[in-house]
Protein backbone atom coordinates (compact mmCIF):
# COMPACT_ATOMS: atom_id res chain seq x y z
CA UNK A 1 22.33 -60.57 24.66
CA UNK A 2 25.07 -62.48 27.06
CA UNK A 3 24.04 -65.40 30.31
CA UNK A 4 27.02 -64.24 32.35
CA UNK A 5 26.85 -60.46 31.52
CA UNK A 6 24.53 -58.97 34.97
CA UNK A 7 21.12 -56.64 33.79
CA UNK A 8 21.60 -53.28 33.92
CA UNK A 9 18.82 -51.80 36.08
CA UNK A 10 17.74 -48.30 36.95
CA UNK A 11 14.75 -47.56 39.19
CA UNK A 12 13.15 -43.95 39.28
CA UNK A 13 16.44 -42.21 38.80
CA UNK A 14 16.26 -38.55 38.85
CA UNK A 15 19.08 -35.69 38.80
CA UNK A 16 18.68 -31.74 39.28
CA UNK A 17 21.28 -29.24 38.84
CA UNK A 18 19.64 -26.97 41.07
CA UNK A 19 16.02 -26.20 40.35
CA UNK A 20 16.63 -27.37 36.83
CA UNK A 21 15.70 -31.34 36.39
CA UNK A 22 17.69 -33.22 34.03
CA UNK A 23 16.07 -36.46 34.89
CA UNK A 24 12.83 -37.25 36.07
CA UNK A 25 12.16 -40.54 37.38
CA UNK A 26 13.60 -43.06 34.79
CA UNK A 27 13.04 -46.36 34.94
CA UNK A 28 14.95 -48.95 32.76
CA UNK A 29 16.16 -52.83 32.29
CA UNK A 30 18.94 -53.12 29.77
CA UNK A 31 19.71 -56.61 29.63
CA UNK A 32 23.26 -58.26 29.98
CA UNK A 33 25.85 -58.30 26.56
CA UNK A 34 23.09 -56.03 24.64
CA UNK A 35 24.43 -52.74 22.63
CA UNK A 36 21.78 -50.13 24.01
CA UNK A 37 21.65 -46.79 21.99
CA UNK A 38 20.22 -43.75 23.63
CA UNK A 39 18.84 -40.68 21.35
CA UNK A 40 17.05 -38.41 21.82
CA UNK A 41 16.95 -33.84 20.89
CA UNK A 42 19.92 -32.18 22.76
CA UNK A 43 18.93 -31.29 26.37
CA UNK A 44 16.69 -34.16 26.77
CA UNK A 45 18.93 -36.03 29.28
CA UNK A 46 20.65 -38.85 27.73
CA UNK A 47 24.03 -37.24 28.53
CA UNK A 48 23.53 -36.71 32.01
CA UNK A 49 22.06 -40.50 31.93
CA UNK A 50 24.80 -41.79 30.68
CA UNK A 51 27.38 -39.89 33.02
CA UNK A 52 24.91 -40.78 36.05
CA UNK A 53 25.85 -44.94 35.44
CA UNK A 54 29.70 -44.15 34.61
CA UNK A 55 29.72 -42.44 38.04
CA UNK A 56 30.50 -38.96 36.77
CA UNK A 57 27.37 -37.74 38.29
CA UNK A 58 25.18 -38.53 41.93
CA UNK A 59 21.89 -38.77 40.98
CA UNK A 60 19.53 -36.96 43.13
CA UNK A 61 16.86 -39.79 43.54
CA UNK A 62 16.77 -43.65 42.70
CA UNK A 63 19.15 -46.41 42.10
CA UNK A 64 21.47 -47.87 39.91
CA UNK A 65 21.76 -51.75 40.15
CA UNK A 66 24.34 -54.03 38.28
CA UNK A 67 22.89 -57.63 38.82
CA UNK A 68 22.96 -57.85 42.14
CA UNK A 69 25.22 -54.75 43.05
CA UNK A 70 24.06 -51.07 43.89
CA UNK A 71 25.86 -48.56 42.44
CA UNK A 72 24.40 -46.21 43.19
CA UNK A 73 26.91 -44.49 45.34
CA UNK A 74 29.56 -46.13 44.40
CA UNK A 75 32.76 -43.90 43.15
CA UNK A 76 33.49 -43.83 39.28
CA UNK A 77 36.82 -46.05 39.51
CA UNK A 78 35.21 -48.96 41.29
CA UNK A 79 32.31 -48.73 38.78
CA UNK A 80 34.12 -51.22 36.23
CA UNK A 81 33.29 -49.22 33.64
CA UNK A 82 34.78 -48.22 30.35
CA UNK A 83 34.20 -45.14 28.49
CA UNK A 84 35.05 -43.23 25.49
CA UNK A 85 34.31 -39.42 25.27
CA UNK A 86 33.33 -37.37 21.96
CA UNK A 87 37.04 -36.17 22.25
CA UNK A 88 38.17 -39.43 22.98
CA UNK A 89 40.84 -37.92 25.16
CA UNK A 90 43.77 -39.80 23.99
CA UNK A 91 47.65 -38.66 25.14
CA UNK A 92 49.80 -37.08 22.28
CA UNK A 93 52.82 -37.96 24.13
CA UNK A 94 52.45 -41.24 24.58
CA UNK A 95 52.48 -43.95 21.09
CA UNK A 96 49.40 -45.63 20.75
CA UNK A 97 50.22 -49.22 22.18
CA UNK A 98 50.93 -46.94 25.55
CA UNK A 99 47.54 -45.14 25.28
CA UNK A 100 45.81 -48.59 24.67
CA UNK A 101 48.00 -49.82 28.24
CA UNK A 102 47.71 -46.86 30.28
CA UNK A 103 44.84 -48.15 32.25
CA UNK A 104 46.74 -51.37 33.31
CA UNK A 105 50.07 -49.50 33.73
CA UNK A 106 48.11 -47.87 36.64
CA UNK A 107 46.73 -50.82 38.36
CA UNK A 108 50.24 -51.73 38.39
CA UNK A 109 50.33 -54.27 35.92
CA UNK A 110 54.02 -55.53 34.35
CA UNK A 111 55.39 -53.76 31.20
CA UNK A 112 55.66 -56.70 29.33
CA UNK A 113 52.14 -57.93 30.10
CA UNK A 114 50.07 -54.78 29.35
CA UNK A 115 51.74 -53.87 26.19
CA UNK A 116 50.89 -57.52 24.86
CA UNK A 117 47.18 -56.70 26.14
CA UNK A 118 47.27 -53.63 24.26
CA UNK A 119 48.70 -55.50 21.00
CA UNK A 120 45.90 -57.99 21.58
CA UNK A 121 42.88 -55.50 21.80
CA UNK A 122 44.32 -53.17 18.53
CA UNK A 123 44.14 -56.46 16.53
CA UNK A 124 41.01 -56.57 17.76
CA UNK A 125 40.25 -53.51 16.64
CA UNK A 126 41.76 -54.01 13.13
CA UNK A 127 44.68 -51.82 13.94
CA UNK A 128 47.29 -54.03 14.61
CA UNK A 129 50.58 -52.75 12.79
CA UNK A 130 50.28 -49.00 14.59
CA UNK A 131 51.64 -49.69 18.23
CA UNK A 132 54.76 -47.75 17.86
CA UNK A 133 52.83 -44.72 16.08
CA UNK A 134 52.09 -41.62 17.87
CA UNK A 135 48.27 -40.50 17.85
CA UNK A 136 48.81 -37.47 15.66
CA UNK A 137 50.07 -39.85 12.69
CA UNK A 138 46.28 -41.38 13.04
CA UNK A 139 43.40 -40.50 11.19
CA UNK A 140 40.25 -39.64 13.10
CA UNK A 141 38.59 -43.28 12.47
CA UNK A 142 41.78 -44.87 13.96
CA UNK A 143 42.15 -42.24 16.95
CA UNK A 144 38.28 -43.39 17.42
CA UNK A 145 39.34 -47.16 17.25
CA UNK A 146 42.40 -46.40 19.68
CA UNK A 147 40.58 -44.87 22.26
CA UNK A 148 37.91 -48.25 22.37
CA UNK A 149 40.45 -50.29 22.59
CA UNK A 150 42.11 -48.33 25.50
CA UNK A 151 38.27 -48.17 27.16
CA UNK A 152 38.44 -52.34 26.98
CA UNK A 153 41.69 -53.13 28.04
CA UNK A 154 40.43 -53.43 31.74
CA UNK A 155 37.81 -55.62 30.31
CA UNK A 156 35.17 -53.60 32.24
CA UNK A 157 31.32 -54.86 32.74
CA UNK A 158 29.80 -51.84 30.68
CA UNK A 159 31.11 -50.05 27.97
CA UNK A 160 29.84 -46.46 27.60
CA UNK A 161 30.31 -44.24 24.65
CA UNK A 162 29.27 -40.42 24.35
CA UNK A 163 28.57 -39.29 20.65
CA UNK A 164 31.65 -41.75 19.46
CA UNK A 165 31.04 -40.99 15.83
CA UNK A 166 29.96 -37.62 15.61
CA UNK A 167 33.40 -36.67 14.10
CA UNK A 168 33.80 -38.22 11.66
CA UNK A 169 32.74 -38.01 8.29
CA UNK A 170 29.44 -39.46 6.45
CA UNK A 171 31.49 -42.27 4.50
CA UNK A 172 33.83 -42.98 7.60
CA UNK A 173 30.91 -42.95 10.11
CA UNK A 174 29.26 -45.61 8.26
CA UNK A 175 31.83 -48.04 8.34
CA UNK A 176 32.82 -47.31 12.15
CA UNK A 177 29.15 -48.57 12.45
CA UNK A 178 29.59 -51.64 11.41
CA UNK A 179 33.22 -52.02 13.34
CA UNK A 180 31.37 -51.06 16.45
CA UNK A 181 28.73 -53.39 16.00
CA UNK A 182 31.21 -56.23 15.20
CA UNK A 183 33.31 -55.46 18.00
CA UNK A 184 30.17 -55.39 20.42
CA UNK A 185 28.81 -59.03 19.43
CA UNK A 186 33.33 -60.66 19.50
CA UNK A 187 33.46 -59.10 23.44
CA UNK A 188 30.36 -59.49 24.51
CA UNK A 189 29.87 -56.11 26.42
CA UNK A 190 26.83 -54.44 27.81
CA UNK A 191 27.50 -51.18 25.37
CA UNK A 192 25.55 -48.04 25.85
CA UNK A 193 25.90 -45.48 22.95
CA UNK A 194 23.98 -42.03 23.16
CA UNK A 195 23.64 -40.38 20.02
CA UNK A 196 21.39 -37.61 18.67
CA UNK A 197 21.22 -39.97 14.91
CA UNK A 198 18.18 -41.79 14.73
CA UNK A 199 19.75 -43.96 11.96
CA UNK A 200 23.00 -44.97 13.92
CA UNK A 201 21.00 -46.06 16.47
CA UNK A 202 18.63 -48.20 13.88
CA UNK A 203 21.50 -49.43 12.65
CA UNK A 204 23.05 -50.70 15.54
CA UNK A 205 21.05 -51.52 18.78
CA UNK A 206 19.71 -54.30 20.05
CA UNK A 207 17.63 -51.49 22.11
CA UNK A 208 16.75 -48.11 21.69
CA UNK A 209 15.77 -45.84 24.52
CA UNK A 210 14.05 -42.17 22.98
CA UNK A 211 13.95 -39.44 25.68
CA UNK A 212 12.50 -36.72 25.54
CA UNK A 213 11.67 -34.09 28.27
CA UNK A 214 14.16 -35.66 30.55
CA UNK A 215 12.49 -39.25 31.18
CA UNK A 216 12.23 -41.98 28.88
CA UNK A 217 9.62 -41.98 26.32
CA UNK A 218 9.80 -45.26 24.44
CA UNK A 219 12.32 -48.49 24.80
CA UNK A 220 12.46 -51.45 22.35
CA UNK A 221 13.96 -53.10 18.97
CA UNK A 222 14.70 -50.40 16.37
CA UNK A 223 12.05 -51.62 14.62
CA UNK A 224 9.32 -51.71 17.15
CA UNK A 225 10.39 -48.07 17.57
CA UNK A 226 10.13 -46.87 14.12
CA UNK A 227 6.77 -49.21 12.80
CA UNK A 228 5.45 -48.65 16.44
CA UNK A 229 5.57 -45.44 17.93
CA UNK A 230 3.83 -45.38 21.03
CA UNK A 231 3.36 -41.21 20.81
CA UNK A 232 3.47 -38.35 18.66
CA UNK A 233 6.65 -37.15 20.55
CA UNK A 234 8.70 -40.75 19.51
CA UNK A 235 6.52 -40.60 15.99
CA UNK A 236 7.90 -37.24 15.20
CA UNK A 237 11.27 -37.87 16.62
CA UNK A 238 12.93 -41.23 14.81
CA UNK A 239 12.70 -41.27 11.22
CA UNK A 240 9.88 -39.17 8.99
CA UNK A 241 6.06 -39.27 9.34
CA UNK A 242 3.01 -37.76 7.93
CA UNK A 243 0.61 -36.93 10.79
CA UNK A 244 -3.70 -36.20 10.04
CA UNK A 245 -5.99 -35.73 11.88
CA UNK A 246 -8.74 -38.29 12.62
CA UNK A 247 -11.53 -39.85 14.74
CA UNK A 248 -11.61 -43.31 15.86
CA UNK A 249 -14.91 -45.47 14.59
CA UNK A 250 -13.70 -48.93 15.46
CA UNK A 251 -11.55 -50.54 17.54
CA UNK A 252 -9.64 -51.11 14.84
CA UNK A 253 -10.07 -47.94 12.17
CA UNK A 254 -9.89 -44.65 11.78
CA UNK A 255 -11.93 -42.06 9.76
CA UNK A 256 -9.40 -39.50 7.95
CA UNK A 257 -10.89 -36.58 5.55
CA UNK A 258 -14.06 -38.73 5.14
CA UNK A 259 -12.22 -41.99 4.70
CA UNK A 260 -12.19 -44.81 7.00
CA UNK A 261 -8.68 -46.60 7.13
CA UNK A 262 -7.30 -49.38 9.47
CA UNK A 263 -5.05 -49.00 11.90
CA UNK A 264 -1.90 -51.29 13.60
CA UNK A 265 -4.17 -54.01 15.20
CA UNK A 266 -1.03 -54.70 17.78
CA UNK A 267 -1.30 -51.26 19.73
CA UNK A 268 -3.68 -49.39 22.04
CA UNK A 269 -6.36 -47.67 20.07
CA UNK A 270 -8.06 -44.55 21.94
CA UNK A 271 -12.12 -45.31 22.56
CA UNK A 272 -14.40 -44.85 19.49
CA UNK A 273 -15.39 -41.34 18.68
CA UNK A 274 -12.07 -39.83 19.88
CA UNK A 275 -9.83 -37.55 18.17
CA UNK A 276 -6.47 -38.83 17.42
CA UNK A 277 -3.31 -37.92 15.07
CA UNK A 278 -2.97 -41.21 12.97
CA UNK A 279 1.02 -41.57 11.53
CA UNK A 280 2.22 -42.72 8.17
CA UNK A 281 5.92 -43.34 7.31
CA UNK A 282 6.67 -41.90 3.76
CA UNK A 283 7.15 -44.99 2.38
CA UNK A 284 4.12 -46.66 3.55
CA UNK A 285 2.33 -44.49 1.19
CA UNK A 286 1.52 -45.63 -2.43
CA UNK A 287 0.66 -42.83 -5.31
CA UNK A 288 -2.23 -43.95 -8.08
CA UNK A 289 -3.19 -42.26 -11.12
CA UNK A 290 -6.99 -43.58 -10.54
CA UNK A 291 -8.63 -43.98 -7.48
CA UNK A 292 -7.52 -47.66 -5.85
CA UNK A 293 -9.94 -50.06 -4.54
CA UNK A 294 -8.67 -49.50 -0.64
CA UNK A 295 -9.05 -46.60 0.97
CA UNK A 296 -6.91 -43.49 -0.56
CA UNK A 297 -7.02 -39.45 -0.50
CA UNK A 298 -7.34 -37.07 -2.97
CA UNK A 299 -4.09 -34.16 -3.79
CA UNK A 300 -2.26 -32.68 -6.03
CA UNK A 301 1.65 -33.43 -6.59
CA UNK A 302 3.09 -29.92 -5.25
CA UNK A 303 7.09 -30.89 -5.42
CA UNK A 304 8.79 -34.15 -6.74
CA UNK A 305 12.34 -34.40 -5.67
CA UNK A 306 14.85 -37.60 -6.93
CA UNK A 307 17.17 -38.22 -4.45
CA UNK A 308 18.48 -40.94 -5.98
CA UNK A 309 17.69 -44.21 -3.70
CA UNK A 310 14.16 -42.81 -3.92
CA UNK A 311 11.59 -40.16 -5.02
CA UNK A 312 9.90 -38.09 -2.71
CA UNK A 313 6.59 -36.52 -3.81
CA UNK A 314 5.25 -34.13 -1.96
CA UNK A 315 1.27 -34.18 -2.60
CA UNK A 316 -1.14 -31.31 -1.03
CA UNK A 317 -4.33 -33.01 0.73
CA UNK A 318 -7.21 -31.00 2.59
CA UNK A 319 -4.74 -28.65 3.02
CA UNK A 320 -1.61 -30.54 4.34
CA UNK A 321 1.15 -31.75 2.73
CA UNK A 322 1.65 -35.29 2.81
CA UNK A 323 5.24 -36.80 1.78
CA UNK A 324 5.63 -39.95 -0.03
CA UNK A 325 8.62 -41.93 -0.44
CA UNK A 326 8.79 -44.23 -3.56
CA UNK A 327 9.44 -44.72 -7.42
CA UNK A 328 7.78 -41.60 -8.27
CA UNK A 329 6.69 -41.20 -11.94
CA UNK A 330 4.76 -37.99 -11.40
CA UNK A 331 4.98 -34.61 -11.89
CA UNK A 332 3.90 -31.22 -10.33
CA UNK A 333 0.28 -30.56 -10.52
CA UNK A 334 -0.54 -33.87 -11.56
CA UNK A 335 -4.06 -34.96 -9.98
CA UNK A 336 -3.39 -38.46 -7.76
CA UNK A 337 -4.56 -40.53 -4.50
CA UNK A 338 -2.79 -41.40 -1.61
CA UNK A 339 -2.99 -45.08 -1.24
CA UNK A 340 -3.33 -45.68 2.97
CA UNK A 341 -1.42 -48.92 4.09
CA UNK A 342 -3.80 -51.72 5.35
CA UNK A 343 -3.29 -51.73 9.32
CA UNK A 344 -0.33 -49.37 8.62
CA UNK A 345 -1.29 -46.77 10.36
CA UNK A 346 -0.58 -45.92 13.70
CA UNK A 347 -3.20 -44.07 15.99
CA UNK A 348 -1.83 -41.52 18.55
CA UNK A 349 -3.43 -39.77 21.18
CA UNK A 350 -4.52 -36.14 19.45
């Protein structure tokens, strides 16, 4: 976070396209200088929200504030926003430096000054030697960094990126996640990234905004979103989870298939007697050949997959299949016990 960057505040934001609701009462406060990722399934409204922030769409209801400045009806060219589109939208007839300096040229900055600024930004994105090259000579990752440098040329108050890494192969994408995070920390600009890739959001963001059904479902740091989802939608969308029916038997405990287990104590639990769904991440479960001292469910191994970094074991328990991620050591058909984590289950309203 940066003390000299104002917070972005979104109040009751709604957007309709005719009878279609694209955004439904979005409320957010995004700290100045933070890197925020909007995630959610296709059609959930994350790109529409980004376009409203950019000024490319006008909200039907609500307000958008940057510090004490109301941006709700401010046109896009007066918003002080830099944006990188999924396609990068670079000019093939211009050199790399001319692409980066294009916005400065439109503002009437002298050629020597704007090319010097372009070179400075190319060094910032670790492309110091490509200023005179044409866009066609660059790789996908290099084009992406040029697009970032161009968006940063005017030192915008907000830096917005719509699926910026989706066109890259897996290895390059992972490397660019690191570079983008480093770049954001260097410049300190409030940055908002739209992505459908949850792992990408977890790797880069200070805050993750999970969207679904055209509204915000949960906002928080990546680990909080992952470990403490507030509802089944978030638990199911972010990462992988096992879901089991249960009943609340105490303020901190549920009964799952006749077994009592404690739940996360820092989340609200429905009243005693309520039917709930408990969520357990695959890596939080443990397989045992013998019944452990703590709560565990008995089952039969139905499939084993060695994924290299972990072994995925599927266990049939009471007509349901649980996924356990760990060291393995069991084979299909083995009778096992699935040990439940202490205070690691999340109780969600059924």
